[in-house]
Amino acid sequence: MTSPSDSDSRKSQQERIEQLANLLQHDIMISRWQTGVFLRQNELERHLSVNRFTVRQVLEELTKRGVLEHVPYKGHRIKEHSPKEREQITETRLLLEQGACRKVMQNITEAGMELLQQQAITFRASLLSGDTQSQIESNFLFHKYFYDFCGNPFLAEEIRLLREKGLRVSKPGWHQPMASERACQEHFAMVEALKNKDLLRLEHLIYLHLTGWKRASETEYMPITQN
């Protein structure tokens, strides 16, 4: 029979593996390694400051997510995605996320809008500080909280899963100033649209947010400043 302490220990270990996988996934997204490259376990041990056993668990987690693919007798390599797949994932996300906007607007409370506002502020602070882990967590939480208000946990979970896949394909540009400023200001604009009950504006902002990778060279946003 499993004791509560054993269960807590396994849960803690799984959370640790997921955190390490998130960090490695972010490094892959910002092109620390090129697509198609095989990852070396000894390099990852040094990079993550963990042992070989933990590295293997992280590699397995990223393989389940579709970030890596395992090639027998060779190891794990970064999965390559075609331009067509990138377009298809974005199209699917738009259908789901724009469709969820109306339900979010119907269900969100004043406290919920304050929560989103604070999370947008946290994301901005993480960009200003350059704290990569905080960027990952605050951006994830902003969108999680947003779609949790759709009132349909199945829809929210599908959006989350597709969003993770979309991030892997499009590689978010938080390490590129203009892209990070754009994402940050769109977060604040989404909250404002919710407050104003402006559904068309909110749907348009979702479109801009999901297709930002197509407009990487645009400079329409002012740089983030510390207030």
Protein backbone atom coordinates (compact mmCIF):
# COMPACT_ATOMS: atom_id res chain seq x y z
CA MET A 1 0.00 0.00 0.00
CA THR A 2 1.36 3.44 -0.98
CA SER A 3 1.90 5.83 1.91
CA PRO A 4 1.00 9.53 1.67
CA SER A 5 4.69 10.44 1.95
CA ASP A 6 5.56 8.20 -1.03
CA SER A 7 2.77 9.79 -3.06
CA ASP A 8 3.94 13.30 -2.15
CA SER A 9 7.52 12.40 -3.05
CA ARG A 10 6.53 11.13 -6.49
CA LYS A 11 4.41 14.21 -7.09
CA SER A 12 7.29 16.47 -6.09
CA GLN A 13 9.68 14.59 -8.38
CA GLN A 14 7.24 14.82 -11.31
CA GLU A 15 6.83 18.56 -10.75
CA ARG A 16 10.63 18.90 -10.76
CA ILE A 17 10.89 17.00 -14.04
CA GLU A 18 8.20 19.21 -15.59
CA GLN A 19 10.02 22.36 -14.44
CA LEU A 20 13.30 21.15 -15.94
CA ALA A 21 11.48 20.14 -19.13
CA ASN A 22 9.97 23.62 -19.35
CA LEU A 23 13.42 25.19 -19.05
CA LEU A 24 14.93 22.92 -21.68
CA GLN A 25 11.94 23.45 -23.95
CA HIS A 26 12.38 27.21 -23.69
CA ASP A 27 16.06 26.91 -24.62
CA ILE A 28 15.06 24.86 -27.65
CA MET A 29 12.46 27.48 -28.61
CA ILE A 30 15.02 30.29 -28.57
CA SER A 31 17.32 28.23 -30.81
CA ARG A 32 20.03 27.23 -28.36
CA TRP A 33 20.11 24.10 -30.50
CA GLN A 34 19.06 23.79 -34.13
CA THR A 35 16.15 21.59 -35.19
CA GLY A 36 17.21 18.07 -36.12
CA VAL A 37 20.20 18.14 -33.74
CA PHE A 38 20.71 15.22 -31.35
CA LEU A 39 20.98 16.32 -27.71
CA ARG A 40 23.96 14.97 -25.75
CA GLN A 41 23.16 13.70 -22.27
CA ASN A 42 26.46 14.78 -20.73
CA GLU A 43 25.93 18.32 -22.03
CA LEU A 44 22.41 18.38 -20.58
CA GLU A 45 23.68 17.14 -17.21
CA ARG A 46 25.91 20.22 -17.02
CA HIS A 47 23.29 22.55 -18.49
CA LEU A 48 20.54 21.51 -16.04
CA SER A 49 22.86 20.66 -13.13
CA VAL A 50 21.28 17.22 -12.68
CA ASN A 51 22.31 13.58 -12.95
CA ARG A 52 21.98 11.27 -15.95
CA PHE A 53 18.84 9.58 -14.60
CA THR A 54 17.04 12.92 -14.29
CA VAL A 55 18.17 13.96 -17.77
CA ARG A 56 16.61 10.80 -19.19
CA GLN A 57 13.31 11.60 -17.47
CA VAL A 58 13.37 15.14 -18.89
CA LEU A 59 14.07 13.78 -22.38
CA GLU A 60 11.17 11.35 -22.03
CA GLU A 61 8.87 14.20 -20.93
CA LEU A 62 9.82 16.34 -23.93
CA THR A 63 9.39 13.37 -26.25
CA LYS A 64 5.83 12.91 -24.91
CA ARG A 65 5.20 16.61 -25.58
CA GLY A 66 6.40 16.26 -29.16
CA VAL A 67 9.35 18.62 -28.69
CA LEU A 68 11.85 15.80 -29.24
CA GLU A 69 11.77 12.53 -31.13
CA HIS A 70 13.58 9.38 -30.08
CA VAL A 71 15.65 7.59 -32.70
CA PRO A 72 16.58 4.05 -31.61
CA TYR A 73 20.31 3.53 -31.00
CA LYS A 74 21.00 7.20 -31.69
CA GLY A 75 19.23 9.22 -29.01
CA HIS A 76 16.85 12.17 -28.83
CA ARG A 77 16.80 14.93 -31.40
CA ILE A 78 14.85 18.15 -31.73
CA LYS A 79 11.78 17.54 -33.82
CA GLU A 80 11.49 19.44 -37.05
CA HIS A 81 8.18 21.04 -38.04
CA SER A 82 7.12 22.03 -41.52
CA PRO A 83 5.78 25.49 -42.48
CA LYS A 84 2.48 23.81 -43.32
CA GLU A 85 2.22 22.36 -39.79
CA ARG A 86 2.96 25.80 -38.34
CA GLU A 87 0.10 27.32 -40.34
CA GLN A 88 -2.31 24.51 -39.46
CA ILE A 89 -1.63 24.72 -35.73
CA THR A 90 -2.11 28.49 -35.80
CA GLU A 91 -5.37 28.12 -37.73
CA THR A 92 -6.70 25.55 -35.25
CA ARG A 93 -5.72 27.70 -32.28
CA LEU A 94 -7.49 30.71 -33.78
CA LEU A 95 -10.71 28.74 -34.20
CA LEU A 96 -10.65 27.55 -30.60
CA GLU A 97 -9.31 30.66 -28.86
CA GLN A 98 -11.41 33.21 -30.73
CA GLY A 99 -14.41 30.97 -30.17
CA ALA A 100 -13.71 30.92 -26.43
CA CYS A 101 -13.52 34.72 -26.18
CA ARG A 102 -17.29 35.21 -25.91
CA LYS A 103 -17.55 32.70 -23.05
CA VAL A 104 -14.60 34.30 -21.25
CA MET A 105 -16.25 37.70 -21.55
CA GLN A 106 -19.54 36.31 -20.23
CA ASN A 107 -17.99 34.56 -17.23
CA ILE A 108 -15.12 36.74 -16.07
CA THR A 109 -15.53 38.70 -12.84
CA GLU A 110 -14.03 41.94 -11.59
CA ALA A 111 -11.65 39.86 -9.47
CA GLY A 112 -10.77 37.84 -12.55
CA MET A 113 -9.91 40.95 -14.55
CA GLU A 114 -7.74 42.14 -11.69
CA LEU A 115 -5.99 38.76 -11.66
CA LEU A 116 -5.25 39.04 -15.39
CA GLN A 117 -4.06 42.63 -14.97
CA GLN A 118 -1.64 41.59 -12.25
CA GLN A 119 -0.37 38.68 -14.34
CA ALA A 120 0.22 41.04 -17.27
CA ILE A 121 2.24 43.27 -14.92
CA THR A 122 4.24 40.25 -13.74
CA PHE A 123 5.01 39.27 -17.33
CA ARG A 124 6.18 42.82 -18.09
CA ALA A 125 8.41 42.80 -15.00
CA SER A 126 9.96 39.48 -16.07
CA LEU A 127 10.82 40.92 -19.49
CA LEU A 128 12.42 43.95 -17.91
CA SER A 129 14.47 41.80 -15.52
CA GLY A 130 15.45 39.23 -18.14
CA ASP A 131 14.34 36.38 -15.86
CA THR A 132 13.65 33.59 -18.35
CA GLN A 133 11.93 31.24 -15.91
CA SER A 134 9.64 34.03 -14.73
CA GLN A 135 8.81 34.86 -18.34
CA ILE A 136 7.76 31.28 -19.01
CA GLU A 137 5.66 31.00 -15.86
CA SER A 138 3.98 34.41 -16.00
CA ASN A 139 3.09 34.10 -19.68
CA PHE A 140 1.72 30.59 -19.14
CA LEU A 141 -0.36 31.73 -16.17
CA PHE A 142 -1.81 34.74 -17.99
CA HIS A 143 -3.25 32.53 -20.72
CA LYS A 144 -4.25 29.76 -18.33
CA TYR A 145 -6.22 32.17 -16.16
CA PHE A 146 -7.74 33.80 -19.23
CA TYR A 147 -9.16 30.59 -20.71
CA ASP A 148 -10.13 29.11 -17.34
CA PHE A 149 -12.88 31.76 -17.41
CA CYS A 150 -14.46 30.18 -20.49
CA GLY A 151 -16.28 27.92 -18.02
CA ASN A 152 -15.53 24.76 -19.97
CA PRO A 153 -12.56 22.81 -18.56
CA PHE A 154 -12.39 20.54 -21.59
CA LEU A 155 -12.11 23.50 -23.95
CA ALA A 156 -9.56 25.20 -21.68
CA GLU A 157 -7.42 22.05 -21.60
CA GLU A 158 -7.53 21.62 -25.39
CA ILE A 159 -6.46 25.23 -25.81
CA ARG A 160 -3.60 24.72 -23.36
CA LEU A 161 -2.34 21.61 -25.15
CA LEU A 162 -2.56 23.21 -28.57
CA ARG A 163 -0.93 26.35 -27.25
CA GLU A 164 2.09 24.35 -26.06
CA LYS A 165 2.35 22.70 -29.45
CA GLY A 166 2.03 26.07 -31.17
CA LEU A 167 4.82 27.52 -29.04
CA ARG A 168 7.11 24.66 -30.01
CA VAL A 169 6.46 25.27 -33.70
CA SER A 170 6.49 29.06 -33.80
CA LYS A 171 9.27 29.54 -31.20
CA PRO A 172 8.19 32.60 -29.19
CA GLY A 173 10.42 35.62 -29.63
CA TRP A 174 10.75 36.78 -26.02
CA HIS A 175 14.50 37.03 -26.61
CA GLN A 176 13.73 39.55 -29.39
CA PRO A 177 12.79 42.98 -27.95
CA MET A 178 10.05 43.93 -30.42
CA ALA A 179 8.31 40.56 -30.19
CA SER A 180 8.32 40.61 -26.38
CA GLU A 181 7.05 44.19 -26.27
CA ARG A 182 4.26 43.28 -28.67
CA ALA A 183 3.17 40.27 -26.59
CA CYS A 184 3.31 42.29 -23.38
CA GLN A 185 1.18 45.15 -24.67
CA GLU A 186 -1.33 42.74 -26.19
CA HIS A 187 -1.82 41.21 -22.74
CA PHE A 188 -2.80 44.60 -21.31
CA ALA A 189 -5.02 45.32 -24.33
CA MET A 190 -6.87 42.03 -23.84
CA VAL A 191 -7.70 42.97 -20.26
CA GLU A 192 -8.91 46.39 -21.42
CA ALA A 193 -11.13 44.80 -24.07
CA LEU A 194 -12.67 42.54 -21.40
CA LYS A 195 -13.36 45.53 -19.17
CA ASN A 196 -15.03 47.36 -22.07
CA LYS A 197 -17.02 44.28 -23.15
CA ASP A 198 -15.54 44.77 -26.63
CA LEU A 199 -15.74 41.28 -28.13
CA LEU A 200 -14.60 42.25 -31.64
CA ARG A 201 -11.53 43.99 -30.22
CA LEU A 202 -10.73 40.97 -28.06
CA GLU A 203 -11.04 38.57 -30.99
CA HIS A 204 -8.77 40.80 -33.07
CA LEU A 205 -6.18 40.90 -30.28
CA ILE A 206 -6.21 37.09 -30.11
CA TYR A 207 -5.60 37.05 -33.86
CA LEU A 208 -2.66 39.45 -33.49
CA HIS A 209 -1.27 37.46 -30.57
CA LEU A 210 -1.34 34.12 -32.39
CA THR A 211 -0.01 35.41 -35.69
CA GLY A 212 2.73 37.62 -34.26
CA TRP A 213 5.39 35.28 -35.65
CA LYS A 214 4.28 36.39 -39.13
CA ARG A 215 4.99 40.03 -38.30
CA ALA A 216 8.39 39.68 -36.64
CA SER A 217 9.79 42.73 -38.41
CA GLU A 218 7.00 45.13 -37.48
CA THR A 219 7.86 47.99 -35.12
CA GLU A 220 4.41 49.36 -34.36
CA TYR A 221 4.77 49.09 -30.56
CA MET A 222 6.69 51.43 -28.30
CA PRO A 223 9.41 49.83 -26.14
CA ILE A 224 8.48 48.70 -22.63
CA THR A 225 9.46 51.22 -20.00
CA GLN A 226 9.70 50.94 -16.25
CA ASN A 227 6.88 52.91 -14.60
